[in-house]
């Protein structure tokens, strides 16, 4: 349902992907302890948001610099528990404004990183 990447050079990389794939770039306001900046949502020719090119800072500082694919699940918390029980690990859990867990980044037993998002949260 979504894919994104966190890198040091998001300003340059967003231009690469927008030109190679014909995507439109939409700025997403972000903030960290050093101030405000923009990450980038990538939109296809039909106007659908399909991914993001993000700076490796703020909430994304510890993410690997690779494309991360997000899958929808019925229950994020249950998927997290199952992941841990099956020798996976949790890299990040994120709650919405109401304090509900709605997405997470997981590492499978082989070391691959994936994202999960609560069904209907987007």
PDB file of N, CA and C in Angstrom:
ATOM      1  N   UNK A   1       0.802  -1.198   0.000  1.00  0.00           N
ATOM      2  CA  UNK A   1       0.000   0.000   0.000  1.00  0.00           C
ATOM      3  C   UNK A   1       0.849   1.268   0.000  1.00  0.00           C
ATOM      4  N   UNK A   2       2.115   1.157   0.333  1.00  0.00           N
ATOM      5  CA  UNK A   2       3.005   2.328   0.400  1.00  0.00           C
ATOM      6  C   UNK A   2       4.441   1.833   0.420  1.00  0.00           C
ATOM      7  N   UNK A   3       5.355   2.667  -0.005  1.00  0.00           N
ATOM      8  CA  UNK A   3       6.776   2.367   0.121  1.00  0.00           C
ATOM      9  C   UNK A   3       7.508   3.683   0.331  1.00  0.00           C
ATOM     10  N   UNK A   4       8.546   3.662   1.159  1.00  0.00           N
ATOM     11  CA  UNK A   4       9.341   4.874   1.323  1.00  0.00           C
ATOM     12  C   UNK A   4      10.785   4.537   1.621  1.00  0.00           C
ATOM     13  N   UNK A   5      11.595   5.576   1.564  1.00  0.00           N
ATOM     14  CA  UNK A   5      13.028   5.440   1.786  1.00  0.00           C
ATOM     15  C   UNK A   5      13.495   6.643   2.603  1.00  0.00           C
ATOM     16  N   UNK A   6      14.407   6.412   3.533  1.00  0.00           N
ATOM     17  CA  UNK A   6      15.000   7.483   4.340  1.00  0.00           C
ATOM     18  C   UNK A   6      16.490   7.556   4.015  1.00  0.00           C
ATOM     19  N   UNK A   7      16.923   8.716   3.537  1.00  0.00           N
ATOM     20  CA  UNK A   7      18.306   8.887   3.089  1.00  0.00           C
ATOM     21  C   UNK A   7      18.842  10.252   3.509  1.00  0.00           C
ATOM     22  N   UNK A   8      20.139  10.394   3.446  1.00  0.00           N
ATOM     23  CA  UNK A   8      20.790  11.667   3.772  1.00  0.00           C
ATOM     24  C   UNK A   8      20.467  12.753   2.735  1.00  0.00           C
ATOM     25  N   UNK A   9      20.312  12.375   1.472  1.00  0.00           N
ATOM     26  CA  UNK A   9      20.152  13.341   0.389  1.00  0.00           C
ATOM     27  C   UNK A   9      18.745  13.313  -0.227  1.00  0.00           C
ATOM     28  N   UNK A  10      17.713  13.419   0.618  1.00  0.00           N
ATOM     29  CA  UNK A  10      16.330  13.334   0.139  1.00  0.00           C
ATOM     30  C   UNK A  10      16.002  14.413  -0.887  1.00  0.00           C
ATOM     31  N   UNK A  11      16.570  15.610  -0.745  1.00  0.00           N
ATOM     32  CA  UNK A  11      16.287  16.687  -1.700  1.00  0.00           C
ATOM     33  C   UNK A  11      16.704  16.298  -3.114  1.00  0.00           C
ATOM     34  N   UNK A  12      17.843  15.657  -3.245  1.00  0.00           N
ATOM     35  CA  UNK A  12      18.326  15.231  -4.557  1.00  0.00           C
ATOM     36  C   UNK A  12      17.614  13.967  -5.031  1.00  0.00           C
ATOM     37  N   UNK A  13      17.401  13.036  -4.119  1.00  0.00           N
ATOM     38  CA  UNK A  13      16.810  11.759  -4.495  1.00  0.00           C
ATOM     39  C   UNK A  13      15.363  11.909  -4.949  1.00  0.00           C
ATOM     40  N   UNK A  14      14.607  12.829  -4.365  1.00  0.00           N
ATOM     41  CA  UNK A  14      13.225  13.052  -4.802  1.00  0.00           C
ATOM     42  C   UNK A  14      13.198  13.496  -6.255  1.00  0.00           C
ATOM     43  N   UNK A  15      14.166  14.296  -6.662  1.00  0.00           N
ATOM     44  CA  UNK A  15      14.242  14.722  -8.063  1.00  0.00           C
ATOM     45  C   UNK A  15      14.545  13.545  -8.981  1.00  0.00           C
ATOM     46  N   UNK A  16      15.432  12.661  -8.545  1.00  0.00           N
ATOM     47  CA  UNK A  16      15.756  11.471  -9.329  1.00  0.00           C
ATOM     48  C   UNK A  16      14.495  10.655  -9.593  1.00  0.00           C
ATOM     49  N   UNK A  17      13.760  10.311  -8.522  1.00  0.00           N
ATOM     50  CA  UNK A  17      12.581   9.464  -8.690  1.00  0.00           C
ATOM     51  C   UNK A  17      11.449  10.174  -9.419  1.00  0.00           C
ATOM     52  N   UNK A  18      11.283  11.458  -9.186  1.00  0.00           N
ATOM     53  CA  UNK A  18      10.205  12.161  -9.889  1.00  0.00           C
ATOM     54  C   UNK A  18      10.469  12.185 -11.388  1.00  0.00           C
ATOM     55  N   UNK A  19      11.716  12.313 -11.784  1.00  0.00           N
ATOM     56  CA  UNK A  19      12.030  12.357 -13.212  1.00  0.00           C
ATOM     57  C   UNK A  19      12.076  10.962 -13.840  1.00  0.00           C
ATOM     58  N   UNK A  20      12.639   9.987 -13.145  1.00  0.00           N
ATOM     59  CA  UNK A  20      12.738   8.636 -13.701  1.00  0.00           C
ATOM     60  C   UNK A  20      11.352   8.000 -13.838  1.00  0.00           C
ATOM     61  N   UNK A  21      10.475   8.175 -12.832  1.00  0.00           N
ATOM     62  CA  UNK A  21       9.167   7.523 -12.836  1.00  0.00           C
ATOM     63  C   UNK A  21       8.014   8.441 -13.229  1.00  0.00           C
ATOM     64  N   UNK A  22       8.293   9.719 -13.409  1.00  0.00           N
ATOM     65  CA  UNK A  22       7.225  10.648 -13.758  1.00  0.00           C
ATOM     66  C   UNK A  22       6.312  10.976 -12.592  1.00  0.00           C
ATOM     67  N   UNK A  23       6.820  10.864 -11.360  1.00  0.00           N
ATOM     68  CA  UNK A  23       6.033  11.162 -10.179  1.00  0.00           C
ATOM     69  C   UNK A  23       6.023  12.663  -9.897  1.00  0.00           C
ATOM     70  N   UNK A  24       4.967  13.130  -9.274  1.00  0.00           N
ATOM     71  CA  UNK A  24       4.871  14.499  -8.780  1.00  0.00           C
ATOM     72  C   UNK A  24       5.292  14.486  -7.313  1.00  0.00           C
ATOM     73  N   UNK A  25       5.946  15.549  -6.898  1.00  0.00           N
ATOM     74  CA  UNK A  25       6.449  15.650  -5.525  1.00  0.00           C
ATOM     75  C   UNK A  25       5.555  16.576  -4.721  1.00  0.00           C
ATOM     76  N   UNK A  26       5.167  16.129  -3.529  1.00  0.00           N
ATOM     77  CA  UNK A  26       4.432  16.978  -2.593  1.00  0.00           C
ATOM     78  C   UNK A  26       5.236  17.062  -1.298  1.00  0.00           C
ATOM     79  N   UNK A  27       5.510  18.279  -0.865  1.00  0.00           N
ATOM     80  CA  UNK A  27       6.261  18.452   0.378  1.00  0.00           C
ATOM     81  C   UNK A  27       5.400  18.076   1.581  1.00  0.00           C
ATOM     82  N   UNK A  28       6.030  17.411   2.545  1.00  0.00           N
ATOM     83  CA  UNK A  28       5.385  17.032   3.802  1.00  0.00           C
ATOM     84  C   UNK A  28       6.158  17.724   4.921  1.00  0.00           C
ATOM     85  N   UNK A  29       5.547  18.702   5.603  1.00  0.00           N
ATOM     86  CA  UNK A  29       6.261  19.425   6.655  1.00  0.00           C
ATOM     87  C   UNK A  29       6.665  18.498   7.801  1.00  0.00           C
ATOM     88  N   UNK A  30       7.910  18.625   8.229  1.00  0.00           N
ATOM     89  CA  UNK A  30       8.465  17.812   9.307  1.00  0.00           C
ATOM     90  C   UNK A  30       9.194  18.737  10.276  1.00  0.00           C
ATOM     91  N   UNK A  31       9.463  18.201  11.473  1.00  0.00           N
ATOM     92  CA  UNK A  31      10.191  18.988  12.474  1.00  0.00           C
ATOM     93  C   UNK A  31      10.973  18.042  13.368  1.00  0.00           C
ATOM     94  N   UNK A  32      12.163  18.450  13.729  1.00  0.00           N
ATOM     95  CA  UNK A  32      12.959  17.727  14.713  1.00  0.00           C
ATOM     96  C   UNK A  32      13.640  18.740  15.616  1.00  0.00           C
ATOM     97  N   UNK A  33      14.546  18.275  16.458  1.00  0.00           N
ATOM     98  CA  UNK A  33      15.209  19.178  17.416  1.00  0.00           C
ATOM     99  C   UNK A  33      16.042  20.262  16.743  1.00  0.00           C
ATOM    100  N   UNK A  34      16.351  20.103  15.460  1.00  0.00           N
ATOM    101  CA  UNK A  34      17.138  21.099  14.727  1.00  0.00           C
ATOM    102  C   UNK A  34      16.286  22.058  13.902  1.00  0.00           C
ATOM    103  N   UNK A  35      14.963  21.910  13.950  1.00  0.00           N
ATOM    104  CA  UNK A  35      14.095  22.822  13.232  1.00  0.00           C
ATOM    105  C   UNK A  35      13.148  22.119  12.274  1.00  0.00           C
ATOM    106  N   UNK A  36      12.631  22.894  11.325  1.00  0.00           N
ATOM    107  CA  UNK A  36      11.673  22.357  10.366  1.00  0.00           C
ATOM    108  C   UNK A  36      12.355  22.021   9.045  1.00  0.00           C
ATOM    109  N   UNK A  37      11.783  21.081   8.337  1.00  0.00           N
ATOM    110  CA  UNK A  37      12.278  20.659   7.025  1.00  0.00           C
ATOM    111  C   UNK A  37      11.129  19.972   6.309  1.00  0.00           C
ATOM    112  N   UNK A  38      11.347  19.526   5.097  1.00  0.00           N
ATOM    113  CA  UNK A  38      10.300  18.835   4.344  1.00  0.00           C
ATOM    114  C   UNK A  38      10.781  17.462   3.908  1.00  0.00           C
ATOM    115  N   UNK A  39       9.935  16.465   4.105  1.00  0.00           N
ATOM    116  CA  UNK A  39      10.081  15.185   3.439  1.00  0.00           C
ATOM    117  C   UNK A  39       9.172  15.251   2.226  1.00  0.00           C
ATOM    118  N   UNK A  40       9.152  14.200   1.422  1.00  0.00           N
ATOM    119  CA  UNK A  40       8.449  14.285   0.147  1.00  0.00           C
ATOM    120  C   UNK A  40       7.560  13.082  -0.101  1.00  0.00           C
ATOM    121  N   UNK A  41       6.265  13.349  -0.329  1.00  0.00           N
ATOM    122  CA  UNK A  41       5.339  12.312  -0.767  1.00  0.00           C
ATOM    123  C   UNK A  41       5.417  12.271  -2.289  1.00  0.00           C
ATOM    124  N   UNK A  42       5.447  11.069  -2.837  1.00  0.00           N
ATOM    125  CA  UNK A  42       5.528  10.886  -4.281  1.00  0.00           C
ATOM    126  C   UNK A  42       4.145  10.465  -4.779  1.00  0.00           C
ATOM    127  N   UNK A  43       3.668  11.149  -5.815  1.00  0.00           N
ATOM    128  CA  UNK A  43       2.308  10.957  -6.322  1.00  0.00           C
ATOM    129  C   UNK A  43       2.389  10.536  -7.786  1.00  0.00           C
ATOM    130  N   UNK A  44       1.642   9.482  -8.145  1.00  0.00           N
ATOM    131  CA  UNK A  44       1.672   9.031  -9.540  1.00  0.00           C
ATOM    132  C   UNK A  44       0.786   9.900 -10.431  1.00  0.00           C
ATOM    133  N   UNK A  45       0.751   9.609 -11.710  1.00  0.00           N
ATOM    134  CA  UNK A  45       0.019  10.445 -12.672  1.00  0.00           C
ATOM    135  C   UNK A  45      -1.485  10.442 -12.447  1.00  0.00           C
ATOM    136  N   UNK A  46      -2.006   9.452 -11.693  1.00  0.00           N
ATOM    137  CA  UNK A  46      -3.435   9.406 -11.367  1.00  0.00           C
ATOM    138  C   UNK A  46      -3.763  10.188 -10.098  1.00  0.00           C
ATOM    139  N   UNK A  47      -2.729  10.778  -9.477  1.00  0.00           N
ATOM    140  CA  UNK A  47      -2.931  11.541  -8.249  1.00  0.00           C
ATOM    141  C   UNK A  47      -2.895  10.712  -6.982  1.00  0.00           C
ATOM    142  N   UNK A  48      -2.494   9.439  -7.112  1.00  0.00           N
ATOM    143  CA  UNK A  48      -2.424   8.550  -5.956  1.00  0.00           C
ATOM    144  C   UNK A  48      -1.070   8.666  -5.268  1.00  0.00           C
ATOM    145  N   UNK A  49      -1.086   8.850  -3.946  1.00  0.00           N
ATOM    146  CA  UNK A  49       0.151   8.810  -3.176  1.00  0.00           C
ATOM    147  C   UNK A  49       0.676   7.383  -3.162  1.00  0.00           C
ATOM    148  N   UNK A  50       1.925   7.216  -3.551  1.00  0.00           N
ATOM    149  CA  UNK A  50       2.455   5.857  -3.666  1.00  0.00           C
ATOM    150  C   UNK A  50       3.716   5.625  -2.851  1.00  0.00           C
ATOM    151  N   UNK A  51       4.325   6.689  -2.357  1.00  0.00           N
ATOM    152  CA  UNK A  51       5.546   6.493  -1.604  1.00  0.00           C
ATOM    153  C   UNK A  51       6.095   7.790  -1.062  1.00  0.00           C
ATOM    154  N   UNK A  52       7.245   7.664  -0.423  1.00  0.00           N
ATOM    155  CA  UNK A  52       7.876   8.835   0.142  1.00  0.00           C
ATOM    156  C   UNK A  52       9.380   8.765   0.052  1.00  0.00           C
ATOM    157  N   UNK A  53       9.977   9.934  -0.108  1.00  0.00           N
ATOM    158  CA  UNK A  53      11.430  10.074  -0.026  1.00  0.00           C
ATOM    159  C   UNK A  53      11.665  10.984   1.180  1.00  0.00           C
ATOM    160  N   UNK A  54      12.314  10.426   2.196  1.00  0.00           N
ATOM    161  CA  UNK A  54      12.417  11.097   3.484  1.00  0.00           C
ATOM    162  C   UNK A  54      13.868  11.352   3.871  1.00  0.00           C
ATOM    163  N   UNK A  55      14.050  12.430   4.631  1.00  0.00           N
ATOM    164  CA  UNK A  55      15.371  12.713   5.195  1.00  0.00           C
ATOM    165  C   UNK A  55      15.639  11.728   6.328  1.00  0.00           C
ATOM    166  N   UNK A  56      16.856  11.329   6.469  1.00  0.00           N
ATOM    167  CA  UNK A  56      17.275  10.436   7.547  1.00  0.00           C
ATOM    168  C   UNK A  56      17.543  11.304   8.778  1.00  0.00           C
ATOM    169  N   UNK A  57      16.453  11.818   9.351  1.00  0.00           N
ATOM    170  CA  UNK A  57      16.530  12.636  10.548  1.00  0.00           C
ATOM    171  C   UNK A  57      15.175  12.609  11.240  1.00  0.00           C
ATOM    172  N   UNK A  58      15.078  13.168  12.418  1.00  0.00           N
ATOM    173  CA  UNK A  58      13.806  13.157  13.150  1.00  0.00           C
ATOM    174  C   UNK A  58      13.310  11.741  13.370  1.00  0.00           C
ATOM    175  N   UNK A  59      12.036  11.491  13.051  1.00  0.00           N
ATOM    176  CA  UNK A  59      11.436  10.172  13.286  1.00  0.00           C
ATOM    177  C   UNK A  59      12.050   9.090  12.411  1.00  0.00           C
ATOM    178  N   UNK A  60      12.782   9.469  11.373  1.00  0.00           N
ATOM    179  CA  UNK A  60      13.376   8.499  10.441  1.00  0.00           C
ATOM    180  C   UNK A  60      14.878   8.304  10.629  1.00  0.00           C
ATOM    181  N   UNK A  61      15.447   8.861  11.668  1.00  0.00           N
ATOM    182  CA  UNK A  61      16.899   8.866  11.816  1.00  0.00           C
ATOM    183  C   UNK A  61      17.513   7.468  11.889  1.00  0.00           C
ATOM    184  N   UNK A  62      16.807   6.519  12.487  1.00  0.00           N
ATOM    185  CA  UNK A  62      17.375   5.190  12.675  1.00  0.00           C
ATOM    186  C   UNK A  62      16.962   4.180  11.611  1.00  0.00           C
ATOM    187  N   UNK A  63      16.270   4.623  10.580  1.00  0.00           N
ATOM    188  CA  UNK A  63      15.805   3.683   9.556  1.00  0.00           C
ATOM    189  C   UNK A  63      16.923   3.347   8.578  1.00  0.00           C
ATOM    190  N   UNK A  64      16.905   2.126   8.067  1.00  0.00           N
ATOM    191  CA  UNK A  64      17.910   1.769   7.058  1.00  0.00           C
ATOM    192  C   UNK A  64      17.634   2.527   5.757  1.00  0.00           C
ATOM    193  N   UNK A  65      18.688   2.841   5.019  1.00  0.00           N
ATOM    194  CA  UNK A  65      18.532   3.533   3.727  1.00  0.00           C
ATOM    195  C   UNK A  65      18.224   2.496   2.651  1.00  0.00           C
ATOM    196  N   UNK A  66      16.982   2.084   2.628  1.00  0.00           N
ATOM    197  CA  UNK A  66      16.488   1.126   1.643  1.00  0.00           C
ATOM    198  C   UNK A  66      15.007   1.413   1.448  1.00  0.00           C
ATOM    199  N   UNK A  67      14.454   0.983   0.327  1.00  0.00           N
ATOM    200  CA  UNK A  67      13.017   1.116   0.137  1.00  0.00           C
ATOM    201  C   UNK A  67      12.330   0.168   1.105  1.00  0.00           C
ATOM    202  N   UNK A  68      11.394   0.680   1.886  1.00  0.00           N
ATOM    203  CA  UNK A  68      10.628  -0.131   2.825  1.00  0.00           C
ATOM    204  C   UNK A  68       9.208  -0.238   2.298  1.00  0.00           C
ATOM    205  N   UNK A  69       8.739  -1.463   2.163  1.00  0.00           N
ATOM    206  CA  UNK A  69       7.391  -1.740   1.679  1.00  0.00           C
ATOM    207  C   UNK A  69       6.461  -1.889   2.882  1.00  0.00           C
ATOM    208  N   UNK A  70       5.289  -1.254   2.810  1.00  0.00           N
ATOM    209  CA  UNK A  70       4.291  -1.325   3.872  1.00  0.00           C
ATOM    210  C   UNK A  70       3.129  -2.210   3.424  1.00  0.00           C
ATOM    211  N   UNK A  71       2.692  -3.079   4.337  1.00  0.00           N
ATOM    212  CA  UNK A  71       1.548  -3.955   4.100  1.00  0.00           C
ATOM    213  C   UNK A  71       0.463  -3.629   5.115  1.00  0.00           C
ATOM    214  N   UNK A  72      -0.805  -3.743   4.712  1.00  0.00           N
ATOM    215  CA  UNK A  72      -1.896  -3.543   5.664  1.00  0.00           C
ATOM    216  C   UNK A  72      -2.149  -4.840   6.433  1.00  0.00           C
ATOM    217  N   UNK A  73      -2.464  -4.684   7.710  1.00  0.00           N
ATOM    218  CA  UNK A  73      -2.806  -5.812   8.578  1.00  0.00           C
ATOM    219  C   UNK A  73      -4.078  -5.457   9.344  1.00  0.00           C
ATOM    220  N   UNK A  74      -4.782  -6.480   9.819  1.00  0.00           N
ATOM    221  CA  UNK A  74      -6.017  -6.235  10.574  1.00  0.00           C
ATOM    222  C   UNK A  74      -5.739  -5.595  11.919  1.00  0.00           C
ATOM    223  N   UNK A  75      -4.628  -5.983  12.562  1.00  0.00           N
ATOM    224  CA  UNK A  75      -4.339  -5.497  13.901  1.00  0.00           C
ATOM    225  C   UNK A  75      -2.826  -5.360  14.065  1.00  0.00           C
ATOM    226  N   UNK A  76      -2.340  -4.137  14.132  1.00  0.00           N
ATOM    227  CA  UNK A  76      -0.898  -3.884  14.226  1.00  0.00           C
ATOM    228  C   UNK A  76      -0.313  -4.515  15.486  1.00  0.00           C
ATOM    229  N   UNK A  77      -0.976  -4.343  16.628  1.00  0.00           N
ATOM    230  CA  UNK A  77      -0.446  -4.879  17.881  1.00  0.00           C
ATOM    231  C   UNK A  77      -0.314  -6.400  17.810  1.00  0.00           C
ATOM    232  N   UNK A  78      -1.304  -7.072  17.291  1.00  0.00           N
ATOM    233  CA  UNK A  78      -1.245  -8.533  17.170  1.00  0.00           C
ATOM    234  C   UNK A  78      -0.109  -8.947  16.232  1.00  0.00           C
ATOM    235  N   UNK A  79       0.067  -8.233  15.133  1.00  0.00           N
ATOM    236  CA  UNK A  79       1.158  -8.553  14.201  1.00  0.00           C
ATOM    237  C   UNK A  79       2.519  -8.336  14.845  1.00  0.00           C
ATOM    238  N   UNK A  80       2.646  -7.297  15.669  1.00  0.00           N
ATOM    239  CA  UNK A  80       3.896  -7.046  16.387  1.00  0.00           C
ATOM    240  C   UNK A  80       4.206  -8.203  17.335  1.00  0.00           C
ATOM    241  N   UNK A  81       3.209  -8.621  18.088  1.00  0.00           N
ATOM    242  CA  UNK A  81       3.402  -9.728  19.030  1.00  0.00           C
ATOM    243  C   UNK A  81       3.796 -11.008  18.295  1.00  0.00           C
ATOM    244  N   UNK A  82       3.137 -11.283  17.186  1.00  0.00           N
ATOM    245  CA  UNK A  82       3.455 -12.471  16.399  1.00  0.00           C
ATOM    246  C   UNK A  82       4.869 -12.386  15.847  1.00  0.00           C
ATOM    247  N   UNK A  83       5.248 -11.211  15.366  1.00  0.00           N
ATOM    248  CA  UNK A  83       6.606 -11.002  14.849  1.00  0.00           C
ATOM    249  C   UNK A  83       7.643 -11.349  15.919  1.00  0.00           C
ATOM    250  N   UNK A  84       7.463 -10.827  17.118  1.00  0.00           N
ATOM    251  CA  UNK A  84       8.405 -11.097  18.212  1.00  0.00           C
ATOM    252  C   UNK A  84       8.455 -12.578  18.561  1.00  0.00           C
ATOM    253  N   UNK A  85       7.290 -13.224  18.558  1.00  0.00           N
ATOM    254  CA  UNK A  85       7.213 -14.650  18.892  1.00  0.00           C
ATOM    255  C   UNK A  85       7.865 -15.531  17.832  1.00  0.00           C
ATOM    256  N   UNK A  86       8.031 -14.996  16.633  1.00  0.00           N
ATOM    257  CA  UNK A  86       8.610 -15.772  15.542  1.00  0.00           C
ATOM    258  C   UNK A  86      10.023 -15.305  15.206  1.00  0.00           C
ATOM    259  N   UNK A  87      10.748 -14.777  16.217  1.00  0.00           N
ATOM    260  CA  UNK A  87      12.149 -14.364  16.112  1.00  0.00           C
ATOM    261  C   UNK A  87      12.385 -13.138  15.241  1.00  0.00           C
ATOM    262  N   UNK A  88      11.351 -12.326  15.047  1.00  0.00           N
ATOM    263  CA  UNK A  88      11.517 -11.039  14.394  1.00  0.00           C
ATOM    264  C   UNK A  88      11.714  -9.970  15.455  1.00  0.00           C
ATOM    265  N   UNK A  89      11.882  -8.732  15.036  1.00  0.00           N
ATOM    266  CA  UNK A  89      12.033  -7.640  15.996  1.00  0.00           C
ATOM    267  C   UNK A  89      11.301  -6.399  15.501  1.00  0.00           C
ATOM    268  N   UNK A  90      11.061  -5.493  16.406  1.00  0.00           N
ATOM    269  CA  UNK A  90      10.338  -4.256  16.115  1.00  0.00           C
ATOM    270  C   UNK A  90      11.340  -3.114  16.101  1.00  0.00           C
ATOM    271  N   UNK A  91      11.390  -2.383  14.992  1.00  0.00           N
ATOM    272  CA  UNK A  91      12.281  -1.227  14.880  1.00  0.00           C
ATOM    273  C   UNK A  91      11.601   0.054  15.311  1.00  0.00           C
ATOM    274  N   UNK A  92      10.283   0.143  15.082  1.00  0.00           N
ATOM    275  CA  UNK A  92       9.579   1.398  15.346  1.00  0.00           C
ATOM    276  C   UNK A  92       8.093   1.125  15.470  1.00  0.00           C
ATOM    277  N   UNK A  93       7.454   1.773  16.436  1.00  0.00           N
ATOM    278  CA  UNK A  93       6.005   1.748  16.580  1.00  0.00           C
ATOM    279  C   UNK A  93       5.531   3.193  16.566  1.00  0.00           C
ATOM    280  N   UNK A  94       4.465   3.486  15.833  1.00  0.00           N
ATOM    281  CA  UNK A  94       3.965   4.850  15.743  1.00  0.00           C
ATOM    282  C   UNK A  94       2.474   4.892  16.050  1.00  0.00           C
ATOM    283  N   UNK A  95       2.099   5.864  16.871  1.00  0.00           N
ATOM    284  CA  UNK A  95       0.691   6.050  17.240  1.00  0.00           C
ATOM    285  C   UNK A  95       0.140   7.285  16.543  1.00  0.00           C
ATOM    286  N   UNK A  96      -1.166   7.305  16.338  1.00  0.00           N
ATOM    287  CA  UNK A  96      -1.815   8.480  15.750  1.00  0.00           C
ATOM    288  C   UNK A  96      -2.088   9.507  16.850  1.00  0.00           C
ATOM    289  N   UNK A  97      -2.764  10.594  16.493  1.00  0.00           N
ATOM    290  CA  UNK A  97      -3.021  11.674  17.448  1.00  0.00           C
ATOM    291  C   UNK A  97      -3.883  11.224  18.626  1.00  0.00           C
ATOM    292  N   UNK A  98      -4.692  10.191  18.418  1.00  0.00           N
ATOM    293  CA  UNK A  98      -5.537   9.656  19.488  1.00  0.00           C
ATOM    294  C   UNK A  98      -4.784   8.671  20.385  1.00  0.00           C
ATOM    295  N   UNK A  99      -3.519   8.425  20.069  1.00  0.00           N
ATOM    296  CA  UNK A  99      -2.711   7.516  20.871  1.00  0.00           C
ATOM    297  C   UNK A  99      -2.848   6.056  20.492  1.00  0.00           C
ATOM    298  N   UNK A 100      -3.496   5.790  19.346  1.00  0.00           N
ATOM    299  CA  UNK A 100      -3.674   4.413  18.889  1.00  0.00           C
ATOM    300  C   UNK A 100      -2.511   4.012  17.996  1.00  0.00           C
ATOM    301  N   UNK A 101      -2.000   2.813  18.214  1.00  0.00           N
ATOM    302  CA  UNK A 101      -0.934   2.272  17.385  1.00  0.00           C
ATOM    303  C   UNK A 101      -1.476   2.045  15.980  1.00  0.00           C
ATOM    304  N   UNK A 102      -0.843   2.660  14.954  1.00  0.00           N
ATOM    305  CA  UNK A 102      -1.384   2.465  13.612  1.00  0.00           C
ATOM    306  C   UNK A 102      -0.357   2.013  12.590  1.00  0.00           C
ATOM    307  N   UNK A 103       0.939   2.134  12.864  1.00  0.00           N
ATOM    308  CA  UNK A 103       1.908   1.483  11.986  1.00  0.00           C
ATOM    309  C   UNK A 103       3.185   1.156  12.733  1.00  0.00           C
ATOM    310  N   UNK A 104       3.957   0.241  12.140  1.00  0.00           N
ATOM    311  CA  UNK A 104       5.204  -0.194  12.765  1.00  0.00           C
ATOM    312  C   UNK A 104       6.161  -0.674  11.688  1.00  0.00           C
ATOM    313  N   UNK A 105       7.437  -0.632  12.023  1.00  0.00           N
ATOM    314  CA  UNK A 105       8.467  -1.211  11.168  1.00  0.00           C
ATOM    315  C   UNK A 105       9.019  -2.440  11.876  1.00  0.00           C
ATOM    316  N   UNK A 106       9.079  -3.528  11.127  1.00  0.00           N
ATOM    317  CA  UNK A 106       9.520  -4.806  11.673  1.00  0.00           C
ATOM    318  C   UNK A 106      10.733  -5.307  10.915  1.00  0.00           C
ATOM    319  N   UNK A 107      11.510  -6.156  11.593  1.00  0.00           N
ATOM    320  CA  UNK A 107      12.617  -6.846  10.939  1.00  0.00           C
ATOM    321  C   UNK A 107      12.315  -8.331  11.036  1.00  0.00           C
ATOM    322  N   UNK A 108      12.281  -9.000   9.887  1.00  0.00           N
ATOM    323  CA  UNK A 108      12.003 -10.432   9.900  1.00  0.00           C
ATOM    324  C   UNK A 108      13.255 -11.202  10.328  1.00  0.00           C
ATOM    325  N   UNK A 109      13.151 -12.511  10.575  1.00  0.00           N
ATOM    326  CA  UNK A 109      14.306 -13.276  11.051  1.00  0.00           C
ATOM    327  C   UNK A 109      15.514 -13.256  10.104  1.00  0.00           C
ATOM    328  N   UNK A 110      15.299 -12.953   8.829  1.00  0.00           N
ATOM    329  CA  UNK A 110      16.427 -12.889   7.891  1.00  0.00           C
ATOM    330  C   UNK A 110      17.097 -11.523   7.889  1.00  0.00           C
ATOM    331  N   UNK A 111      16.480 -10.531   8.562  1.00  0.00           N
ATOM    332  CA  UNK A 111      17.033  -9.187   8.614  1.00  0.00           C
ATOM    333  C   UNK A 111      16.358  -8.197   7.685  1.00  0.00           C
ATOM    334  N   UNK A 112      15.396  -8.654   6.869  1.00  0.00           N
ATOM    335  CA  UNK A 112      14.678  -7.751   5.969  1.00  0.00           C
ATOM    336  C   UNK A 112      13.724  -6.869   6.770  1.00  0.00           C
ATOM    337  N   UNK A 113      13.633  -5.603   6.384  1.00  0.00           N
ATOM    338  CA  UNK A 113      12.770  -4.642   7.065  1.00  0.00           C
ATOM    339  C   UNK A 113      11.496  -4.460   6.254  1.00  0.00           C
ATOM    340  N   UNK A 114      10.345  -4.510   6.961  1.00  0.00           N
ATOM    341  CA  UNK A 114       9.039  -4.290   6.341  1.00  0.00           C
ATOM    342  C   UNK A 114       8.233  -3.361   7.226  1.00  0.00           C
ATOM    343  N   UNK A 115       7.236  -2.720   6.651  1.00  0.00           N
ATOM    344  CA  UNK A 115       6.325  -1.881   7.414  1.00  0.00           C
ATOM    345  C   UNK A 115       4.948  -2.512   7.426  1.00  0.00           C
ATOM    346  N   UNK A 116       4.229  -2.303   8.517  1.00  0.00           N
ATOM    347  CA  UNK A 116       2.832  -2.723   8.579  1.00  0.00           C
ATOM    348  C   UNK A 116       1.996  -1.532   8.999  1.00  0.00           C
ATOM    349  N   UNK A 117       0.784  -1.456   8.476  1.00  0.00           N
ATOM    350  CA  UNK A 117      -0.126  -0.365   8.806  1.00  0.00           C
ATOM    351  C   UNK A 117      -1.510  -0.942   9.072  1.00  0.00           C
ATOM    352  N   UNK A 118      -2.160  -0.386  10.068  1.00  0.00           N
ATOM    353  CA  UNK A 118      -3.498  -0.825  10.436  1.00  0.00           C
ATOM    354  C   UNK A 118      -4.444  -0.643   9.260  1.00  0.00           C
ATOM    355  N   UNK A 119      -5.183  -1.688   8.935  1.00  0.00           N
ATOM    356  CA  UNK A 119      -6.166  -1.645   7.864  1.00  0.00           C
ATOM    357  C   UNK A 119      -7.132  -0.485   8.117  1.00  0.00           C
ATOM    358  N   UNK A 120      -7.359   0.336   7.110  1.00  0.00           N
ATOM    359  CA  UNK A 120      -8.274   1.463   7.239  1.00  0.00           C
ATOM    360  C   UNK A 120      -7.670   2.715   7.860  1.00  0.00           C
ATOM    361  N   UNK A 121      -6.376   2.711   8.190  1.00  0.00           N
ATOM    362  CA  UNK A 121      -5.736   3.847   8.856  1.00  0.00           C
ATOM    363  C   UNK A 121      -5.249   4.901   7.869  1.00  0.00           C
ATOM    364  N   UNK A 122      -5.358   4.670   6.600  1.00  0.00           N
ATOM    365  CA  UNK A 122      -4.802   5.582   5.605  1.00  0.00           C
ATOM    366  C   UNK A 122      -5.829   6.369   4.888  1.00  0.00           C
TER     367      UNK A 122
END
